[in-house]
Amino acid sequence: MDEGENRPTGGLFRLQPNLACHKMIDGIICSNALCSSPDSRVTYHADSGRRTVPGMGFDPATGNIDKRRVFVRIATADGVPDGATVDSEGFVWIPLGRLAHRPLRSRRSRRPDDHAAGCAACPMFGGPCLDIIFVISASISARRRARRSRRPAFAIKGGVKRLPEARFRG
């Protein structure tokens, strides 16, 4: 990614089972998430620099992607997609860090639902039943930038859960 988060110098890569690396997408400004639908047929990728979360068809057997489209576009006034995960119902959780300070739970129909307050980033489901969403509290202020490694985390138990993650077969 471009450290200044302005130029499209990044890419999305696939690590194959034989450990070969293959570039799948070019022109990413700031890669900030990668997650898949419950059936693994759709993959979502947040590009914070473009304020978009593309969705794309994914073939689990070959690792190929196709039908890339914008799943969610975030208005400048609403924040920046800062991570993402998918729950077992197929909803994509996208924290809108920096400006809006709220995570977004978006339906496949692209209509957002607001949930839980806080300047959230990097969501992940956990707990024994995968029904707790953990997020870190993000800040880009100069004073807190030096303390990034000590960002507090918080948990939300909201009645949804995540299916177990697929394991790398390499």
C-alpha atoms as a PDB file:
ATOM      1  CA  MET A   1       0.000   0.000   0.000  1.00  0.00           C
ATOM      2  CA  ASP A   2       0.951   3.610  -0.379  1.00  0.00           C
ATOM      3  CA  GLU A   3       2.010   4.888   3.072  1.00  0.00           C
ATOM      4  CA  GLY A   4       0.480   8.300   2.304  1.00  0.00           C
ATOM      5  CA  GLU A   5      -2.760   6.533   1.314  1.00  0.00           C
ATOM      6  CA  ASN A   6      -3.008   8.539  -1.915  1.00  0.00           C
ATOM      7  CA  ARG A   7      -1.553   6.490  -4.775  1.00  0.00           C
ATOM      8  CA  PRO A   8      -2.873   3.144  -6.129  1.00  0.00           C
ATOM      9  CA  THR A   9       0.383   1.227  -5.659  1.00  0.00           C
ATOM     10  CA  GLY A  10      -0.955  -1.816  -3.773  1.00  0.00           C
ATOM     11  CA  GLY A  11      -2.349  -5.124  -4.883  1.00  0.00           C
ATOM     12  CA  LEU A  12      -4.314  -8.131  -3.709  1.00  0.00           C
ATOM     13  CA  PHE A  13      -2.435 -11.418  -3.833  1.00  0.00           C
ATOM     14  CA  ARG A  14      -3.372 -15.105  -3.537  1.00  0.00           C
ATOM     15  CA  LEU A  15      -1.072 -17.522  -1.732  1.00  0.00           C
ATOM     16  CA  GLN A  16      -1.438 -20.904  -3.381  1.00  0.00           C
ATOM     17  CA  PRO A  17      -1.127 -24.251  -1.532  1.00  0.00           C
ATOM     18  CA  ASN A  18       2.364 -24.713  -3.054  1.00  0.00           C
ATOM     19  CA  LEU A  19       3.275 -21.314  -1.482  1.00  0.00           C
ATOM     20  CA  ALA A  20       3.495 -19.545  -4.862  1.00  0.00           C
ATOM     21  CA  CYS A  21       2.135 -16.003  -4.767  1.00  0.00           C
ATOM     22  CA  HIS A  22      -0.159 -14.715  -7.534  1.00  0.00           C
ATOM     23  CA  LYS A  23      -1.310 -11.087  -7.967  1.00  0.00           C
ATOM     24  CA  MET A  24      -5.086 -10.971  -8.375  1.00  0.00           C
ATOM     25  CA  ILE A  25      -5.848  -7.206  -8.369  1.00  0.00           C
ATOM     26  CA  ASP A  26      -3.751  -4.102  -9.050  1.00  0.00           C
ATOM     27  CA  GLY A  27      -4.321  -0.464  -8.161  1.00  0.00           C
ATOM     28  CA  ILE A  28      -5.265  -0.640  -4.470  1.00  0.00           C
ATOM     29  CA  ILE A  29      -4.521   2.457  -2.385  1.00  0.00           C
ATOM     30  CA  CYS A  30      -4.863   1.077   1.161  1.00  0.00           C
ATOM     31  CA  SER A  31      -5.824  -2.566   1.634  1.00  0.00           C
ATOM     32  CA  ASN A  32      -7.756  -2.873   4.860  1.00  0.00           C
ATOM     33  CA  ALA A  33      -9.841  -6.039   4.893  1.00  0.00           C
ATOM     34  CA  LEU A  34     -10.459  -9.379   3.275  1.00  0.00           C
ATOM     35  CA  CYS A  35     -13.437 -11.551   4.206  1.00  0.00           C
ATOM     36  CA  SER A  36     -15.822 -13.998   2.557  1.00  0.00           C
ATOM     37  CA  SER A  37     -19.521 -14.829   2.516  1.00  0.00           C
ATOM     38  CA  PRO A  38     -20.681 -17.855   4.545  1.00  0.00           C
ATOM     39  CA  ASP A  39     -20.655 -20.049   1.409  1.00  0.00           C
ATOM     40  CA  SER A  40     -17.205 -18.694   0.345  1.00  0.00           C
ATOM     41  CA  ARG A  41     -18.605 -17.714  -3.078  1.00  0.00           C
ATOM     42  CA  VAL A  42     -18.212 -13.938  -2.532  1.00  0.00           C
ATOM     43  CA  THR A  43     -15.106 -12.181  -1.230  1.00  0.00           C
ATOM     44  CA  TYR A  44     -15.094  -8.606   0.074  1.00  0.00           C
ATOM     45  CA  HIS A  45     -12.049  -6.360   0.135  1.00  0.00           C
ATOM     46  CA  ALA A  46     -11.893  -2.869   1.673  1.00  0.00           C
ATOM     47  CA  ASP A  47      -9.782  -0.201  -0.004  1.00  0.00           C
ATOM     48  CA  SER A  48      -9.698   2.586   2.582  1.00  0.00           C
ATOM     49  CA  GLY A  49      -8.050   5.027   0.186  1.00  0.00           C
ATOM     50  CA  ARG A  50     -10.939   4.740  -2.276  1.00  0.00           C
ATOM     51  CA  ARG A  51     -13.578   4.464   0.514  1.00  0.00           C
ATOM     52  CA  THR A  52     -15.011   1.371  -1.160  1.00  0.00           C
ATOM     53  CA  VAL A  53     -15.613  -2.265  -0.326  1.00  0.00           C
ATOM     54  CA  PRO A  54     -15.666  -4.250  -3.548  1.00  0.00           C
ATOM     55  CA  GLY A  55     -17.409  -7.602  -3.672  1.00  0.00           C
ATOM     56  CA  MET A  56     -16.261 -10.219  -6.131  1.00  0.00           C
ATOM     57  CA  GLY A  57     -17.173 -13.735  -7.134  1.00  0.00           C
ATOM     58  CA  PHE A  58     -14.782 -16.333  -5.714  1.00  0.00           C
ATOM     59  CA  ASP A  59     -14.263 -19.943  -6.775  1.00  0.00           C
ATOM     60  CA  PRO A  60     -13.073 -21.888  -3.691  1.00  0.00           C
ATOM     61  CA  ALA A  61     -11.784 -24.754  -5.855  1.00  0.00           C
ATOM     62  CA  THR A  62      -9.455 -22.631  -8.000  1.00  0.00           C
ATOM     63  CA  GLY A  63      -9.001 -19.435  -5.958  1.00  0.00           C
ATOM     64  CA  ASN A  64     -10.010 -17.341  -8.968  1.00  0.00           C
ATOM     65  CA  ILE A  65     -12.079 -14.167  -8.668  1.00  0.00           C
ATOM     66  CA  ASP A  66     -14.468 -12.543 -11.140  1.00  0.00           C
ATOM     67  CA  LYS A  67     -17.458 -10.177 -11.355  1.00  0.00           C
ATOM     68  CA  ARG A  68     -15.775  -7.465  -9.300  1.00  0.00           C
ATOM     69  CA  ARG A  69     -18.177  -4.669  -8.321  1.00  0.00           C
ATOM     70  CA  VAL A  70     -18.538  -2.006  -5.621  1.00  0.00           C
ATOM     71  CA  PHE A  71     -20.503  -3.562  -2.748  1.00  0.00           C
ATOM     72  CA  VAL A  72     -20.413  -0.457  -0.508  1.00  0.00           C
ATOM     73  CA  ARG A  73     -19.157   3.060  -1.229  1.00  0.00           C
ATOM     74  CA  ILE A  74     -18.576   5.204   1.866  1.00  0.00           C
ATOM     75  CA  ALA A  75     -19.170   8.955   1.605  1.00  0.00           C
ATOM     76  CA  THR A  76     -16.260  11.130   2.763  1.00  0.00           C
ATOM     77  CA  ALA A  77     -18.392  12.552   5.587  1.00  0.00           C
ATOM     78  CA  ASP A  78     -19.243   9.026   6.816  1.00  0.00           C
ATOM     79  CA  GLY A  79     -15.720   7.731   7.443  1.00  0.00           C
ATOM     80  CA  VAL A  80     -13.275   5.207   6.042  1.00  0.00           C
ATOM     81  CA  PRO A  81     -13.727   1.418   5.845  1.00  0.00           C
ATOM     82  CA  ASP A  82     -11.227   0.147   8.424  1.00  0.00           C
ATOM     83  CA  GLY A  83     -11.423  -3.644   8.319  1.00  0.00           C
ATOM     84  CA  ALA A  84     -14.351  -5.990   7.698  1.00  0.00           C
ATOM     85  CA  THR A  85     -15.782  -9.361   8.638  1.00  0.00           C
ATOM     86  CA  VAL A  86     -18.907 -11.328   7.686  1.00  0.00           C
ATOM     87  CA  ASP A  87     -21.404 -12.886  10.094  1.00  0.00           C
ATOM     88  CA  SER A  88     -23.224 -16.214   9.628  1.00  0.00           C
ATOM     89  CA  GLU A  89     -26.252 -14.409   8.144  1.00  0.00           C
ATOM     90  CA  GLY A  90     -24.131 -12.961   5.323  1.00  0.00           C
ATOM     91  CA  PHE A  91     -23.977  -9.412   6.704  1.00  0.00           C
ATOM     92  CA  VAL A  92     -20.697  -7.572   6.204  1.00  0.00           C
ATOM     93  CA  TRP A  93     -19.460  -5.645   9.281  1.00  0.00           C
ATOM     94  CA  ILE A  94     -17.407  -2.588   8.264  1.00  0.00           C
ATOM     95  CA  PRO A  95     -16.030  -0.229  10.921  1.00  0.00           C
ATOM     96  CA  LEU A  96     -16.037   3.342   9.653  1.00  0.00           C
ATOM     97  CA  GLY A  97     -13.019   4.626  11.530  1.00  0.00           C
ATOM     98  CA  ARG A  98     -11.526   8.096  11.640  1.00  0.00           C
ATOM     99  CA  LEU A  99     -14.651  10.199  11.032  1.00  0.00           C
ATOM    100  CA  ALA A 100     -17.896   8.444  11.784  1.00  0.00           C
ATOM    101  CA  HIS A 101     -16.681   6.358  14.733  1.00  0.00           C
ATOM    102  CA  ARG A 102     -19.248   3.642  14.169  1.00  0.00           C
ATOM    103  CA  PRO A 103     -19.276   0.196  12.596  1.00  0.00           C
ATOM    104  CA  LEU A 104     -21.668  -0.506   9.744  1.00  0.00           C
ATOM    105  CA  ARG A 105     -23.474  -3.798   9.249  1.00  0.00           C
ATOM    106  CA  SER A 106     -24.424  -3.914   5.590  1.00  0.00           C
ATOM    107  CA  ARG A 107     -26.889  -6.205   3.867  1.00  0.00           C
ATOM    108  CA  ARG A 108     -26.164  -7.703   0.498  1.00  0.00           C
ATOM    109  CA  SER A 109     -28.730  -5.213  -0.810  1.00  0.00           C
ATOM    110  CA  ARG A 110     -26.271  -2.411   0.122  1.00  0.00           C
ATOM    111  CA  ARG A 111     -28.620  -0.864   2.692  1.00  0.00           C
ATOM    112  CA  PRO A 112     -26.639  -0.104   5.854  1.00  0.00           C
ATOM    113  CA  ASP A 113     -27.744  -0.730   9.424  1.00  0.00           C
ATOM    114  CA  ASP A 114     -25.932   1.144  12.205  1.00  0.00           C
ATOM    115  CA  HIS A 115     -24.729  -0.815  15.215  1.00  0.00           C
ATOM    116  CA  ALA A 116     -22.551  -0.171  18.269  1.00  0.00           C
ATOM    117  CA  ALA A 117     -20.817   3.131  18.896  1.00  0.00           C
ATOM    118  CA  GLY A 118     -17.085   3.725  19.249  1.00  0.00           C
ATOM    119  CA  CYS A 119     -14.184   4.492  16.936  1.00  0.00           C
ATOM    120  CA  ALA A 120     -13.918   0.917  15.749  1.00  0.00           C
ATOM    121  CA  ALA A 121     -11.402  -0.852  13.519  1.00  0.00           C
ATOM    122  CA  CYS A 122     -10.405  -4.418  12.591  1.00  0.00           C
ATOM    123  CA  PRO A 123     -13.483  -6.485  13.566  1.00  0.00           C
ATOM    124  CA  MET A 124     -13.291 -10.223  14.266  1.00  0.00           C
ATOM    125  CA  PHE A 125     -15.773 -12.694  15.737  1.00  0.00           C
ATOM    126  CA  GLY A 126     -14.612 -14.813  18.652  1.00  0.00           C
ATOM    127  CA  GLY A 127     -15.645 -16.504  21.882  1.00  0.00           C
ATOM    128  CA  PRO A 128     -16.592 -20.176  22.318  1.00  0.00           C
ATOM    129  CA  CYS A 129     -19.675 -19.803  20.067  1.00  0.00           C
ATOM    130  CA  LEU A 130     -18.181 -17.188  17.682  1.00  0.00           C
ATOM    131  CA  ASP A 131     -20.958 -14.806  18.788  1.00  0.00           C
ATOM    132  CA  ILE A 132     -18.883 -11.918  20.153  1.00  0.00           C
ATOM    133  CA  ILE A 133     -17.470  -9.325  17.773  1.00  0.00           C
ATOM    134  CA  PHE A 134     -14.168  -7.885  18.939  1.00  0.00           C
ATOM    135  CA  VAL A 135     -12.920  -4.559  17.591  1.00  0.00           C
ATOM    136  CA  ILE A 136     -10.052  -2.287  18.477  1.00  0.00           C
ATOM    137  CA  SER A 137     -10.503   1.376  19.246  1.00  0.00           C
ATOM    138  CA  ALA A 138      -8.664   3.369  16.613  1.00  0.00           C
ATOM    139  CA  SER A 139      -7.273   6.876  16.662  1.00  0.00           C
ATOM    140  CA  ILE A 140      -5.144   8.826  14.212  1.00  0.00           C
ATOM    141  CA  SER A 141      -4.347  11.761  16.454  1.00  0.00           C
ATOM    142  CA  ALA A 142      -0.629  12.549  16.627  1.00  0.00           C
ATOM    143  CA  ARG A 143      -0.540  11.960  20.377  1.00  0.00           C
ATOM    144  CA  ARG A 144      -2.109   8.506  20.118  1.00  0.00           C
ATOM    145  CA  ARG A 145      -0.278   7.470  16.952  1.00  0.00           C
ATOM    146  CA  ALA A 146       2.817   6.780  19.053  1.00  0.00           C
ATOM    147  CA  ARG A 147       0.777   4.483  21.318  1.00  0.00           C
ATOM    148  CA  ARG A 148      -0.862   2.423  18.546  1.00  0.00           C
ATOM    149  CA  SER A 149       0.293  -0.861  20.024  1.00  0.00           C
ATOM    150  CA  ARG A 150      -1.721  -0.095  23.179  1.00  0.00           C
ATOM    151  CA  ARG A 151      -5.109   0.534  21.556  1.00  0.00           C
ATOM    152  CA  PRO A 152      -7.901  -0.846  23.737  1.00  0.00           C
ATOM    153  CA  ALA A 153     -10.257  -3.461  22.365  1.00  0.00           C
ATOM    154  CA  PHE A 154     -13.926  -3.839  23.077  1.00  0.00           C
ATOM    155  CA  ALA A 155     -16.497  -6.581  22.529  1.00  0.00           C
ATOM    156  CA  ILE A 156     -20.073  -6.500  21.253  1.00  0.00           C
ATOM    157  CA  LYS A 157     -22.505  -9.360  21.760  1.00  0.00           C
ATOM    158  CA  GLY A 158     -25.273  -8.602  19.325  1.00  0.00           C
ATOM    159  CA  GLY A 159     -27.178 -11.820  18.678  1.00  0.00           C
ATOM    160  CA  VAL A 160     -25.259 -12.804  15.537  1.00  0.00           C
ATOM    161  CA  LYS A 161     -22.262 -15.039  15.062  1.00  0.00           C
ATOM    162  CA  ARG A 162     -19.600 -16.026  12.572  1.00  0.00           C
ATOM    163  CA  LEU A 163     -19.028 -19.397  11.013  1.00  0.00           C
ATOM    164  CA  PRO A 164     -15.529 -20.859  11.530  1.00  0.00           C
ATOM    165  CA  GLU A 165     -12.873 -19.482   9.169  1.00  0.00           C
ATOM    166  CA  ALA A 166     -11.600 -21.662   6.330  1.00  0.00           C
ATOM    167  CA  ARG A 167      -8.105 -23.001   6.934  1.00  0.00           C
ATOM    168  CA  PHE A 168      -5.187 -22.608   4.531  1.00  0.00           C
ATOM    169  CA  ARG A 169      -4.439 -25.948   2.872  1.00  0.00           C
ATOM    170  CA  GLY A 170      -0.795 -25.271   2.059  1.00  0.00           C
END
